[in-house]
């Protein structure tokens, strides 16, 4: 598909002396944003990739057993296109926070135990 980066982000990568294709391989994804390009001597090179892999190689699933190609339904094609577009446009962020919800649960139980106000 190619590298997904705005013109200003591409210019920033060039100004910092990094190759955008090497940066994408180093990031293990196809999108580059302003915060990604490293500066100075830490610029990635193709050799900086842990396995030398860019992540875009085809995987041979035949090793796991018999494989058959089946055509996608129109619904599956539309869903795949929409999900791919959404993945490119929205960052995929997962955040895990540790929270003590004891007070919230206690307050909720108190509110649930109260009788509803009657309407006049």
PDB file of N, CA and C in Angstrom:
ATOM      1  N   UNK A   1       0.822  -1.191   0.000  1.00  0.00           N
ATOM      2  CA  UNK A   1       0.000   0.000   0.000  1.00  0.00           C
ATOM      3  C   UNK A   1       0.863   1.250   0.000  1.00  0.00           C
ATOM      4  N   UNK A   2       1.985   1.245   0.684  1.00  0.00           N
ATOM      5  CA  UNK A   2       2.828   2.423   0.737  1.00  0.00           C
ATOM      6  C   UNK A   2       2.776   3.083   2.096  1.00  0.00           C
ATOM      7  N   UNK A   3       3.603   4.087   2.244  1.00  0.00           N
ATOM      8  CA  UNK A   3       3.706   4.808   3.507  1.00  0.00           C
ATOM      9  C   UNK A   3       2.594   5.840   3.594  1.00  0.00           C
ATOM     10  N   UNK A   4       1.930   5.910   4.741  1.00  0.00           N
ATOM     11  CA  UNK A   4       0.891   6.902   4.981  1.00  0.00           C
ATOM     12  C   UNK A   4       1.485   7.969   5.895  1.00  0.00           C
ATOM     13  N   UNK A   5       1.714   9.164   5.332  1.00  0.00           N
ATOM     14  CA  UNK A   5       2.288  10.268   6.104  1.00  0.00           C
ATOM     15  C   UNK A   5       1.923  11.569   5.420  1.00  0.00           C
ATOM     16  N   UNK A   6       1.670  12.597   6.208  1.00  0.00           N
ATOM     17  CA  UNK A   6       1.356  13.901   5.643  1.00  0.00           C
ATOM     18  C   UNK A   6       2.621  14.496   5.030  1.00  0.00           C
ATOM     19  N   UNK A   7       2.476  15.450   4.127  1.00  0.00           N
ATOM     20  CA  UNK A   7       3.663  16.079   3.532  1.00  0.00           C
ATOM     21  C   UNK A   7       4.587  16.703   4.577  1.00  0.00           C
ATOM     22  N   UNK A   8       4.028  17.312   5.613  1.00  0.00           N
ATOM     23  CA  UNK A   8       4.883  17.924   6.637  1.00  0.00           C
ATOM     24  C   UNK A   8       5.648  16.869   7.429  1.00  0.00           C
ATOM     25  N   UNK A   9       5.023  15.709   7.661  1.00  0.00           N
ATOM     26  CA  UNK A   9       5.721  14.630   8.367  1.00  0.00           C
ATOM     27  C   UNK A   9       6.818  14.018   7.498  1.00  0.00           C
ATOM     28  N   UNK A  10       6.560  13.911   6.187  1.00  0.00           N
ATOM     29  CA  UNK A  10       7.586  13.421   5.270  1.00  0.00           C
ATOM     30  C   UNK A  10       8.789  14.371   5.261  1.00  0.00           C
ATOM     31  N   UNK A  11       8.503  15.676   5.237  1.00  0.00           N
ATOM     32  CA  UNK A  11       9.585  16.668   5.250  1.00  0.00           C
ATOM     33  C   UNK A  11      10.378  16.569   6.551  1.00  0.00           C
ATOM     34  N   UNK A  12       9.698  16.390   7.676  1.00  0.00           N
ATOM     35  CA  UNK A  12      10.375  16.268   8.968  1.00  0.00           C
ATOM     36  C   UNK A  12      11.298  15.053   8.997  1.00  0.00           C
ATOM     37  N   UNK A  13      10.833  13.949   8.408  1.00  0.00           N
ATOM     38  CA  UNK A  13      11.666  12.745   8.345  1.00  0.00           C
ATOM     39  C   UNK A  13      12.924  13.039   7.530  1.00  0.00           C
ATOM     40  N   UNK A  14      12.755  13.717   6.375  1.00  0.00           N
ATOM     41  CA  UNK A  14      13.917  14.064   5.545  1.00  0.00           C
ATOM     42  C   UNK A  14      14.863  14.993   6.285  1.00  0.00           C
ATOM     43  N   UNK A  15      14.306  16.007   6.982  1.00  0.00           N
ATOM     44  CA  UNK A  15      15.142  16.969   7.703  1.00  0.00           C
ATOM     45  C   UNK A  15      15.948  16.310   8.811  1.00  0.00           C
ATOM     46  N   UNK A  16      15.403  15.266   9.393  1.00  0.00           N
ATOM     47  CA  UNK A  16      16.116  14.576  10.473  1.00  0.00           C
ATOM     48  C   UNK A  16      17.059  13.502   9.948  1.00  0.00           C
ATOM     49  N   UNK A  17      17.146  13.402   8.613  1.00  0.00           N
ATOM     50  CA  UNK A  17      18.119  12.501   8.013  1.00  0.00           C
ATOM     51  C   UNK A  17      17.728  11.043   8.006  1.00  0.00           C
ATOM     52  N   UNK A  18      16.457  10.753   8.107  1.00  0.00           N
ATOM     53  CA  UNK A  18      16.013   9.357   8.106  1.00  0.00           C
ATOM     54  C   UNK A  18      15.351   9.032   6.779  1.00  0.00           C
ATOM     55  N   UNK A  19      15.406   7.790   6.386  1.00  0.00           N
ATOM     56  CA  UNK A  19      14.717   7.293   5.203  1.00  0.00           C
ATOM     57  C   UNK A  19      13.326   6.857   5.645  1.00  0.00           C
ATOM     58  N   UNK A  20      12.288   7.352   4.962  1.00  0.00           N
ATOM     59  CA  UNK A  20      10.921   7.080   5.411  1.00  0.00           C
ATOM     60  C   UNK A  20      10.582   5.594   5.323  1.00  0.00           C
ATOM     61  N   UNK A  21      11.102   4.881   4.315  1.00  0.00           N
ATOM     62  CA  UNK A  21      10.842   3.442   4.216  1.00  0.00           C
ATOM     63  C   UNK A  21      11.517   2.685   5.358  1.00  0.00           C
ATOM     64  N   UNK A  22      12.738   3.111   5.715  1.00  0.00           N
ATOM     65  CA  UNK A  22      13.429   2.477   6.842  1.00  0.00           C
ATOM     66  C   UNK A  22      12.706   2.783   8.147  1.00  0.00           C
ATOM     67  N   UNK A  23      12.173   4.004   8.268  1.00  0.00           N
ATOM     68  CA  UNK A  23      11.438   4.382   9.477  1.00  0.00           C
ATOM     69  C   UNK A  23      10.187   3.529   9.631  1.00  0.00           C
ATOM     70  N   UNK A  24       9.467   3.313   8.530  1.00  0.00           N
ATOM     71  CA  UNK A  24       8.258   2.490   8.570  1.00  0.00           C
ATOM     72  C   UNK A  24       8.607   1.059   8.980  1.00  0.00           C
ATOM     73  N   UNK A  25       9.705   0.545   8.454  1.00  0.00           N
ATOM     74  CA  UNK A  25      10.135  -0.805   8.833  1.00  0.00           C
ATOM     75  C   UNK A  25      10.492  -0.846  10.315  1.00  0.00           C
ATOM     76  N   UNK A  26      11.121   0.203  10.802  1.00  0.00           N
ATOM     77  CA  UNK A  26      11.529   0.278  12.205  1.00  0.00           C
ATOM     78  C   UNK A  26      10.313   0.374  13.119  1.00  0.00           C
ATOM     79  N   UNK A  27       9.279   1.123  12.675  1.00  0.00           N
ATOM     80  CA  UNK A  27       8.062   1.300  13.470  1.00  0.00           C
ATOM     81  C   UNK A  27       7.149   0.073  13.415  1.00  0.00           C
ATOM     82  N   UNK A  28       7.352  -0.781  12.429  1.00  0.00           N
ATOM     83  CA  UNK A  28       6.521  -1.966  12.212  1.00  0.00           C
ATOM     84  C   UNK A  28       5.067  -1.602  11.923  1.00  0.00           C
ATOM     85  N   UNK A  29       4.876  -0.474  11.203  1.00  0.00           N
ATOM     86  CA  UNK A  29       3.549  -0.079  10.727  1.00  0.00           C
ATOM     87  C   UNK A  29       3.715   0.828   9.520  1.00  0.00           C
ATOM     88  N   UNK A  30       2.626   1.116   8.810  1.00  0.00           N
ATOM     89  CA  UNK A  30       2.715   1.879   7.575  1.00  0.00           C
ATOM     90  C   UNK A  30       2.467   3.363   7.758  1.00  0.00           C
ATOM     91  N   UNK A  31       2.072   3.800   8.956  1.00  0.00           N
ATOM     92  CA  UNK A  31       1.777   5.209   9.176  1.00  0.00           C
ATOM     93  C   UNK A  31       2.923   5.892   9.919  1.00  0.00           C
ATOM     94  N   UNK A  32       3.170   7.146   9.547  1.00  0.00           N
ATOM     95  CA  UNK A  32       4.196   7.950  10.205  1.00  0.00           C
ATOM     96  C   UNK A  32       3.530   9.246  10.641  1.00  0.00           C
ATOM     97  N   UNK A  33       3.725   9.623  11.898  1.00  0.00           N
ATOM     98  CA  UNK A  33       3.191  10.877  12.413  1.00  0.00           C
ATOM     99  C   UNK A  33       4.331  11.727  12.957  1.00  0.00           C
ATOM    100  N   UNK A  34       4.039  12.963  13.269  1.00  0.00           N
ATOM    101  CA  UNK A  34       5.049  13.935  13.681  1.00  0.00           C
ATOM    102  C   UNK A  34       5.931  13.435  14.827  1.00  0.00           C
ATOM    103  N   UNK A  35       5.375  12.707  15.763  1.00  0.00           N
ATOM    104  CA  UNK A  35       6.138  12.257  16.923  1.00  0.00           C
ATOM    105  C   UNK A  35       7.071  11.093  16.611  1.00  0.00           C
ATOM    106  N   UNK A  36       6.885  10.433  15.457  1.00  0.00           N
ATOM    107  CA  UNK A  36       7.663   9.242  15.144  1.00  0.00           C
ATOM    108  C   UNK A  36       9.116   9.487  14.763  1.00  0.00           C
ATOM    109  N   UNK A  37       9.420  10.420  13.876  1.00  0.00           N
ATOM    110  CA  UNK A  37      10.793  10.498  13.386  1.00  0.00           C
ATOM    111  C   UNK A  37      11.803  10.756  14.495  1.00  0.00           C
ATOM    112  N   UNK A  38      12.754   9.854  14.656  1.00  0.00           N
ATOM    113  CA  UNK A  38      13.805  10.092  15.638  1.00  0.00           C
ATOM    114  C   UNK A  38      14.765  11.141  15.117  1.00  0.00           C
ATOM    115  N   UNK A  39      15.457  11.807  15.993  1.00  0.00           N
ATOM    116  CA  UNK A  39      16.395  12.837  15.568  1.00  0.00           C
ATOM    117  C   UNK A  39      17.823  12.387  15.829  1.00  0.00           C
ATOM    118  N   UNK A  40      18.730  13.016  15.118  1.00  0.00           N
ATOM    119  CA  UNK A  40      20.150  12.783  15.349  1.00  0.00           C
ATOM    120  C   UNK A  40      20.605  11.398  14.953  1.00  0.00           C
ATOM    121  N   UNK A  41      21.511  10.839  15.747  1.00  0.00           N
ATOM    122  CA  UNK A  41      22.154   9.575  15.397  1.00  0.00           C
ATOM    123  C   UNK A  41      21.247   8.367  15.590  1.00  0.00           C
ATOM    124  N   UNK A  42      20.069   8.562  16.192  1.00  0.00           N
ATOM    125  CA  UNK A  42      19.187   7.417  16.410  1.00  0.00           C
ATOM    126  C   UNK A  42      18.286   7.148  15.217  1.00  0.00           C
ATOM    127  N   UNK A  43      18.560   7.802  14.065  1.00  0.00           N
ATOM    128  CA  UNK A  43      17.747   7.566  12.883  1.00  0.00           C
ATOM    129  C   UNK A  43      17.784   6.103  12.508  1.00  0.00           C
ATOM    130  N   UNK A  44      16.626   5.526  12.232  1.00  0.00           N
ATOM    131  CA  UNK A  44      16.604   4.106  11.922  1.00  0.00           C
ATOM    132  C   UNK A  44      17.168   3.834  10.543  1.00  0.00           C
ATOM    133  N   UNK A  45      17.704   2.663  10.381  1.00  0.00           N
ATOM    134  CA  UNK A  45      18.114   2.174   9.076  1.00  0.00           C
ATOM    135  C   UNK A  45      17.404   0.856   8.870  1.00  0.00           C
ATOM    136  N   UNK A  46      17.475   0.332   7.693  1.00  0.00           N
ATOM    137  CA  UNK A  46      16.804  -0.936   7.424  1.00  0.00           C
ATOM    138  C   UNK A  46      17.346  -2.015   8.342  1.00  0.00           C
ATOM    139  N   UNK A  47      18.637  -1.949   8.676  1.00  0.00           N
ATOM    140  CA  UNK A  47      19.237  -2.952   9.554  1.00  0.00           C
ATOM    141  C   UNK A  47      18.726  -2.840  10.982  1.00  0.00           C
ATOM    142  N   UNK A  48      18.093  -1.727  11.340  1.00  0.00           N
ATOM    143  CA  UNK A  48      17.614  -1.546  12.705  1.00  0.00           C
ATOM    144  C   UNK A  48      16.380  -2.379  12.992  1.00  0.00           C
ATOM    145  N   UNK A  49      15.741  -2.884  11.954  1.00  0.00           N
ATOM    146  CA  UNK A  49      14.576  -3.715  12.155  1.00  0.00           C
ATOM    147  C   UNK A  49      14.994  -4.997  12.875  1.00  0.00           C
ATOM    148  N   UNK A  50      14.308  -5.384  13.954  1.00  0.00           N
ATOM    149  CA  UNK A  50      14.751  -6.504  14.767  1.00  0.00           C
ATOM    150  C   UNK A  50      14.989  -7.786  13.979  1.00  0.00           C
ATOM    151  N   UNK A  51      14.113  -8.103  13.049  1.00  0.00           N
ATOM    152  CA  UNK A  51      14.263  -9.349  12.312  1.00  0.00           C
ATOM    153  C   UNK A  51      14.625  -9.106  10.861  1.00  0.00           C
ATOM    154  N   UNK A  52      14.847  -7.841  10.489  1.00  0.00           N
ATOM    155  CA  UNK A  52      15.086  -7.521   9.090  1.00  0.00           C
ATOM    156  C   UNK A  52      13.788  -7.549   8.301  1.00  0.00           C
ATOM    157  N   UNK A  53      12.686  -7.691   8.990  1.00  0.00           N
ATOM    158  CA  UNK A  53      11.381  -7.800   8.366  1.00  0.00           C
ATOM    159  C   UNK A  53      10.693  -6.452   8.345  1.00  0.00           C
ATOM    160  N   UNK A  54       9.990  -6.171   7.260  1.00  0.00           N
ATOM    161  CA  UNK A  54       9.217  -4.940   7.185  1.00  0.00           C
ATOM    162  C   UNK A  54       7.780  -5.167   7.599  1.00  0.00           C
ATOM    163  N   UNK A  55       7.408  -6.415   7.862  1.00  0.00           N
ATOM    164  CA  UNK A  55       6.049  -6.707   8.282  1.00  0.00           C
ATOM    165  C   UNK A  55       5.080  -6.860   7.130  1.00  0.00           C
ATOM    166  N   UNK A  56       5.542  -6.672   5.878  1.00  0.00           N
ATOM    167  CA  UNK A  56       4.633  -6.763   4.748  1.00  0.00           C
ATOM    168  C   UNK A  56       4.816  -8.052   3.953  1.00  0.00           C
ATOM    169  N   UNK A  57       5.616  -8.993   4.450  1.00  0.00           N
ATOM    170  CA  UNK A  57       5.820 -10.241   3.748  1.00  0.00           C
ATOM    171  C   UNK A  57       4.565 -11.100   3.826  1.00  0.00           C
ATOM    172  N   UNK A  58       4.380 -11.906   2.816  1.00  0.00           N
ATOM    173  CA  UNK A  58       3.252 -12.832   2.807  1.00  0.00           C
ATOM    174  C   UNK A  58       3.566 -14.009   3.724  1.00  0.00           C
ATOM    175  N   UNK A  59       2.586 -14.434   4.480  1.00  0.00           N
ATOM    176  CA  UNK A  59       2.744 -15.555   5.390  1.00  0.00           C
ATOM    177  C   UNK A  59       2.211 -16.802   4.697  1.00  0.00           C
ATOM    178  N   UNK A  60       2.973 -17.894   4.769  1.00  0.00           N
ATOM    179  CA  UNK A  60       2.542 -19.156   4.180  1.00  0.00           C
ATOM    180  C   UNK A  60       1.753 -19.939   5.231  1.00  0.00           C
ATOM    181  N   UNK A  61       0.434 -19.928   5.105  1.00  0.00           N
ATOM    182  CA  UNK A  61      -0.421 -20.604   6.069  1.00  0.00           C
ATOM    183  C   UNK A  61      -0.537 -22.099   5.797  1.00  0.00           C
ATOM    184  N   UNK A  62       0.019 -22.571   4.682  1.00  0.00           N
ATOM    185  CA  UNK A  62      -0.052 -23.996   4.335  1.00  0.00           C
ATOM    186  C   UNK A  62       0.665 -24.861   5.364  1.00  0.00           C
ATOM    187  N   UNK A  63       1.600 -24.267   6.101  1.00  0.00           N
ATOM    188  CA  UNK A  63       2.308 -25.021   7.125  1.00  0.00           C
ATOM    189  C   UNK A  63       1.364 -25.517   8.218  1.00  0.00           C
ATOM    190  N   UNK A  64       0.236 -24.854   8.374  1.00  0.00           N
ATOM    191  CA  UNK A  64      -0.704 -25.187   9.436  1.00  0.00           C
ATOM    192  C   UNK A  64      -1.773 -26.178   9.005  1.00  0.00           C
ATOM    193  N   UNK A  65      -1.821 -26.507   7.731  1.00  0.00           N
ATOM    194  CA  UNK A  65      -2.830 -27.439   7.244  1.00  0.00           C
ATOM    195  C   UNK A  65      -3.349 -27.017   5.889  1.00  0.00           C
ATOM    196  N   UNK A  66      -4.387 -27.667   5.428  1.00  0.00           N
ATOM    197  CA  UNK A  66      -4.958 -27.380   4.113  1.00  0.00           C
ATOM    198  C   UNK A  66      -5.544 -25.974   4.078  1.00  0.00           C
ATOM    199  N   UNK A  67      -5.307 -25.284   2.973  1.00  0.00           N
ATOM    200  CA  UNK A  67      -5.780 -23.913   2.806  1.00  0.00           C
ATOM    201  C   UNK A  67      -6.572 -23.830   1.514  1.00  0.00           C
ATOM    202  N   UNK A  68      -7.708 -23.148   1.559  1.00  0.00           N
ATOM    203  CA  UNK A  68      -8.492 -22.936   0.338  1.00  0.00           C
ATOM    204  C   UNK A  68      -8.858 -21.465   0.240  1.00  0.00           C
ATOM    205  N   UNK A  69      -8.875 -20.956  -0.976  1.00  0.00           N
ATOM    206  CA  UNK A  69      -9.257 -19.569  -1.220  1.00  0.00           C
ATOM    207  C   UNK A  69     -10.750 -19.528  -1.513  1.00  0.00           C
ATOM    208  N   UNK A  70     -11.463 -18.669  -0.811  1.00  0.00           N
ATOM    209  CA  UNK A  70     -12.889 -18.524  -1.036  1.00  0.00           C
ATOM    210  C   UNK A  70     -13.194 -17.066  -1.297  1.00  0.00           C
ATOM    211  N   UNK A  71     -14.076 -16.784  -2.242  1.00  0.00           N
ATOM    212  CA  UNK A  71     -14.393 -15.392  -2.553  1.00  0.00           C
ATOM    213  C   UNK A  71     -15.148 -14.737  -1.394  1.00  0.00           C
ATOM    214  N   UNK A  72     -14.888 -13.443  -1.210  1.00  0.00           N
ATOM    215  CA  UNK A  72     -15.592 -12.696  -0.177  1.00  0.00           C
ATOM    216  C   UNK A  72     -16.971 -12.293  -0.667  1.00  0.00           C
ATOM    217  N   UNK A  73     -17.907 -12.221   0.248  1.00  0.00           N
ATOM    218  CA  UNK A  73     -19.232 -11.700  -0.097  1.00  0.00           C
ATOM    219  C   UNK A  73     -19.109 -10.192  -0.258  1.00  0.00           C
ATOM    220  N   UNK A  74     -20.086  -9.584  -0.879  1.00  0.00           N
ATOM    221  CA  UNK A  74     -20.072  -8.128  -1.061  1.00  0.00           C
ATOM    222  C   UNK A  74     -20.032  -7.427   0.303  1.00  0.00           C
ATOM    223  N   UNK A  75     -20.751  -7.954   1.269  1.00  0.00           N
ATOM    224  CA  UNK A  75     -20.770  -7.386   2.620  1.00  0.00           C
ATOM    225  C   UNK A  75     -19.372  -7.438   3.237  1.00  0.00           C
ATOM    226  N   UNK A  76     -18.676  -8.553   3.075  1.00  0.00           N
ATOM    227  CA  UNK A  76     -17.329  -8.691   3.629  1.00  0.00           C
ATOM    228  C   UNK A  76     -16.352  -7.735   2.940  1.00  0.00           C
ATOM    229  N   UNK A  77     -16.492  -7.543   1.624  1.00  0.00           N
ATOM    230  CA  UNK A  77     -15.630  -6.614   0.895  1.00  0.00           C
ATOM    231  C   UNK A  77     -15.820  -5.181   1.397  1.00  0.00           C
ATOM    232  N   UNK A  78     -17.085  -4.776   1.566  1.00  0.00           N
ATOM    233  CA  UNK A  78     -17.378  -3.424   2.045  1.00  0.00           C
ATOM    234  C   UNK A  78     -16.872  -3.243   3.468  1.00  0.00           C
ATOM    235  N   UNK A  79     -17.084  -4.251   4.310  1.00  0.00           N
ATOM    236  CA  UNK A  79     -16.616  -4.168   5.701  1.00  0.00           C
ATOM    237  C   UNK A  79     -15.097  -4.087   5.755  1.00  0.00           C
ATOM    238  N   UNK A  80     -14.405  -4.884   4.940  1.00  0.00           N
ATOM    239  CA  UNK A  80     -12.943  -4.861   4.933  1.00  0.00           C
ATOM    240  C   UNK A  80     -12.424  -3.499   4.492  1.00  0.00           C
ATOM    241  N   UNK A  81     -13.023  -2.924   3.470  1.00  0.00           N
ATOM    242  CA  UNK A  81     -12.600  -1.610   2.998  1.00  0.00           C
ATOM    243  C   UNK A  81     -12.834  -0.540   4.067  1.00  0.00           C
ATOM    244  N   UNK A  82     -13.985  -0.598   4.722  1.00  0.00           N
ATOM    245  CA  UNK A  82     -14.301   0.392   5.760  1.00  0.00           C
ATOM    246  C   UNK A  82     -13.370   0.260   6.961  1.00  0.00           C
ATOM    247  N   UNK A  83     -13.108  -0.974   7.380  1.00  0.00           N
ATOM    248  CA  UNK A  83     -12.223  -1.192   8.522  1.00  0.00           C
ATOM    249  C   UNK A  83     -10.788  -0.782   8.197  1.00  0.00           C
ATOM    250  N   UNK A  84     -10.344  -1.040   6.984  1.00  0.00           N
ATOM    251  CA  UNK A  84      -8.995  -0.634   6.584  1.00  0.00           C
ATOM    252  C   UNK A  84      -8.871   0.884   6.578  1.00  0.00           C
ATOM    253  N   UNK A  85      -9.879   1.562   6.034  1.00  0.00           N
ATOM    254  CA  UNK A  85      -9.854   3.026   6.007  1.00  0.00           C
ATOM    255  C   UNK A  85      -9.877   3.602   7.423  1.00  0.00           C
ATOM    256  N   UNK A  86     -10.691   3.016   8.296  1.00  0.00           N
ATOM    257  CA  UNK A  86     -10.763   3.490   9.673  1.00  0.00           C
ATOM    258  C   UNK A  86      -9.431   3.280  10.390  1.00  0.00           C
ATOM    259  N   UNK A  87      -8.766   2.164  10.133  1.00  0.00           N
ATOM    260  CA  UNK A  87      -7.480   1.880  10.770  1.00  0.00           C
ATOM    261  C   UNK A  87      -6.432   2.904  10.365  1.00  0.00           C
ATOM    262  N   UNK A  88      -6.487   3.356   9.117  1.00  0.00           N
ATOM    263  CA  UNK A  88      -5.522   4.347   8.647  1.00  0.00           C
ATOM    264  C   UNK A  88      -5.812   5.740   9.193  1.00  0.00           C
ATOM    265  N   UNK A  89      -7.080   6.047   9.420  1.00  0.00           N
ATOM    266  CA  UNK A  89      -7.461   7.396   9.833  1.00  0.00           C
ATOM    267  C   UNK A  89      -7.464   7.593  11.338  1.00  0.00           C
ATOM    268  N   UNK A  90      -7.710   6.542  12.100  1.00  0.00           N
ATOM    269  CA  UNK A  90      -7.796   6.668  13.553  1.00  0.00           C
ATOM    270  C   UNK A  90      -6.668   5.882  14.211  1.00  0.00           C
ATOM    271  N   UNK A  91      -6.023   6.461  15.177  1.00  0.00           N
ATOM    272  CA  UNK A  91      -4.972   5.706  15.863  1.00  0.00           C
ATOM    273  C   UNK A  91      -5.577   4.577  16.694  1.00  0.00           C
ATOM    274  N   UNK A  92      -4.907   3.462  16.709  1.00  0.00           N
ATOM    275  CA  UNK A  92      -5.352   2.335  17.519  1.00  0.00           C
ATOM    276  C   UNK A  92      -4.641   2.429  18.863  1.00  0.00           C
ATOM    277  N   UNK A  93      -5.369   2.816  19.882  1.00  0.00           N
ATOM    278  CA  UNK A  93      -4.771   3.037  21.192  1.00  0.00           C
ATOM    279  C   UNK A  93      -5.482   2.158  22.217  1.00  0.00           C
ATOM    280  N   UNK A  94      -4.724   1.445  22.978  1.00  0.00           N
ATOM    281  CA  UNK A  94      -5.269   0.655  24.074  1.00  0.00           C
ATOM    282  C   UNK A  94      -4.615   1.153  25.352  1.00  0.00           C
ATOM    283  N   UNK A  95      -5.419   1.453  26.334  1.00  0.00           N
ATOM    284  CA  UNK A  95      -4.882   1.979  27.588  1.00  0.00           C
ATOM    285  C   UNK A  95      -5.449   1.179  28.740  1.00  0.00           C
ATOM    286  N   UNK A  96      -4.567   0.734  29.599  1.00  0.00           N
ATOM    287  CA  UNK A  96      -4.981  -0.030  30.765  1.00  0.00           C
ATOM    288  C   UNK A  96      -4.619   0.777  32.008  1.00  0.00           C
ATOM    289  N   UNK A  97      -5.624   1.180  32.762  1.00  0.00           N
ATOM    290  CA  UNK A  97      -5.395   1.916  33.993  1.00  0.00           C
ATOM    291  C   UNK A  97      -5.868   1.073  35.172  1.00  0.00           C
ATOM    292  N   UNK A  98      -5.190   1.225  36.277  1.00  0.00           N
ATOM    293  CA  UNK A  98      -5.602   0.558  37.500  1.00  0.00           C
ATOM    294  C   UNK A  98      -6.396   1.573  38.315  1.00  0.00           C
ATOM    295  N   UNK A  99      -7.627   1.214  38.666  1.00  0.00           N
ATOM    296  CA  UNK A  99      -8.514   2.153  39.345  1.00  0.00           C
ATOM    297  C   UNK A  99      -9.140   1.472  40.554  1.00  0.00           C
ATOM    298  N   UNK A 100      -9.226   2.218  41.660  1.00  0.00           N
ATOM    299  CA  UNK A 100      -9.945   1.730  42.829  1.00  0.00           C
ATOM    300  C   UNK A 100     -11.361   2.298  42.749  1.00  0.00           C
ATOM    301  N   UNK A 101     -12.327   1.453  42.430  1.00  0.00           N
ATOM    302  CA  UNK A 101     -13.703   1.895  42.235  1.00  0.00           C
ATOM    303  C   UNK A 101     -14.577   1.658  43.457  1.00  0.00           C
ATOM    304  N   UNK A 102     -13.972   1.441  44.625  1.00  0.00           N
ATOM    305  CA  UNK A 102     -14.740   1.120  45.836  1.00  0.00           C
ATOM    306  C   UNK A 102     -15.744   2.215  46.167  1.00  0.00           C
ATOM    307  N   UNK A 103     -15.311   3.470  46.154  1.00  0.00           N
ATOM    308  CA  UNK A 103     -16.224   4.582  46.500  1.00  0.00           C
ATOM    309  C   UNK A 103     -17.330   4.716  45.476  1.00  0.00           C
ATOM    310  N   UNK A 104     -17.016   4.534  44.203  1.00  0.00           N
ATOM    311  CA  UNK A 104     -18.033   4.642  43.160  1.00  0.00           C
ATOM    312  C   UNK A 104     -19.081   3.552  43.301  1.00  0.00           C
ATOM    313  N   UNK A 105     -18.648   2.341  43.571  1.00  0.00           N
ATOM    314  CA  UNK A 105     -19.581   1.225  43.728  1.00  0.00           C
ATOM    315  C   UNK A 105     -20.458   1.437  44.955  1.00  0.00           C
ATOM    316  N   UNK A 106     -19.856   1.908  46.038  1.00  0.00           N
ATOM    317  CA  UNK A 106     -20.629   2.179  47.256  1.00  0.00           C
ATOM    318  C   UNK A 106     -21.680   3.257  46.999  1.00  0.00           C
ATOM    319  N   UNK A 107     -21.306   4.327  46.308  1.00  0.00           N
ATOM    320  CA  UNK A 107     -22.254   5.406  45.986  1.00  0.00           C
ATOM    321  C   UNK A 107     -23.372   4.888  45.096  1.00  0.00           C
ATOM    322  N   UNK A 108     -23.034   4.076  44.110  1.00  0.00           N
ATOM    323  CA  UNK A 108     -24.039   3.533  43.213  1.00  0.00           C
ATOM    324  C   UNK A 108     -25.019   2.643  43.978  1.00  0.00           C
ATOM    325  N   UNK A 109     -24.519   1.818  44.875  1.00  0.00           N
ATOM    326  CA  UNK A 109     -25.397   0.946  45.671  1.00  0.00           C
ATOM    327  C   UNK A 109     -26.308   1.776  46.562  1.00  0.00           C
ATOM    328  N   UNK A 110     -25.788   2.867  47.112  1.00  0.00           N
ATOM    329  CA  UNK A 110     -26.603   3.757  47.946  1.00  0.00           C
ATOM    330  C   UNK A 110     -27.718   4.377  47.117  1.00  0.00           C
ATOM    331  N   UNK A 111     -27.377   4.854  45.909  1.00  0.00           N
ATOM    332  CA  UNK A 111     -28.388   5.453  45.046  1.00  0.00           C
ATOM    333  C   UNK A 111     -29.436   4.442  44.608  1.00  0.00           C
ATOM    334  N   UNK A 112     -29.018   3.236  44.338  1.00  0.00           N
ATOM    335  CA  UNK A 112     -29.966   2.210  43.909  1.00  0.00           C
ATOM    336  C   UNK A 112     -30.892   1.796  45.047  1.00  0.00           C
ATOM    337  N   UNK A 113     -30.465   1.932  46.282  1.00  0.00           N
ATOM    338  CA  UNK A 113     -31.287   1.546  47.414  1.00  0.00           C
ATOM    339  C   UNK A 113     -32.326   2.608  47.749  1.00  0.00           C
ATOM    340  N   UNK A 114     -32.127   3.841  47.276  1.00  0.00           N
ATOM    341  CA  UNK A 114     -33.083   4.929  47.559  1.00  0.00           C
ATOM    342  C   UNK A 114     -34.366   4.742  46.772  1.00  0.00           C
ATOM    343  N   UNK A 115     -35.515   5.069  47.393  1.00  0.00           N
ATOM    344  CA  UNK A 115     -36.761   4.986  46.653  1.00  0.00           C
ATOM    345  C   UNK A 115     -36.841   6.109  45.614  1.00  0.00           C
ATOM    346  N   UNK A 116     -37.513   5.838  44.527  1.00  0.00           N
ATOM    347  CA  UNK A 116     -37.683   6.850  43.483  1.00  0.00           C
ATOM    348  C   UNK A 116     -38.602   7.947  44.001  1.00  0.00           C
ATOM    349  N   UNK A 117     -38.300   9.175  43.616  1.00  0.00           N
ATOM    350  CA  UNK A 117     -39.139  10.314  44.016  1.00  0.00           C
ATOM    351  C   UNK A 117     -40.466  10.228  43.282  1.00  0.00           C
ATOM    352  N   UNK A 118     -41.544  10.466  43.994  1.00  0.00           N
ATOM    353  CA  UNK A 118     -42.850  10.412  43.343  1.00  0.00           C
ATOM    354  C   UNK A 118     -43.119  11.732  42.648  1.00  0.00           C
ATOM    355  N   UNK A 119     -43.821  11.675  41.562  1.00  0.00           N
ATOM    356  CA  UNK A 119     -44.156  12.895  40.824  1.00  0.00           C
ATOM    357  C   UNK A 119     -45.456  13.449  41.348  1.00  0.00           C
ATOM    358  N   UNK A 120     -45.558  14.740  41.434  1.00  0.00           N
ATOM    359  CA  UNK A 120     -46.748  15.381  41.982  1.00  0.00           C
ATOM    360  C   UNK A 120     -47.588  15.953  40.906  1.00  0.00           C
TER     361      UNK A 120
END
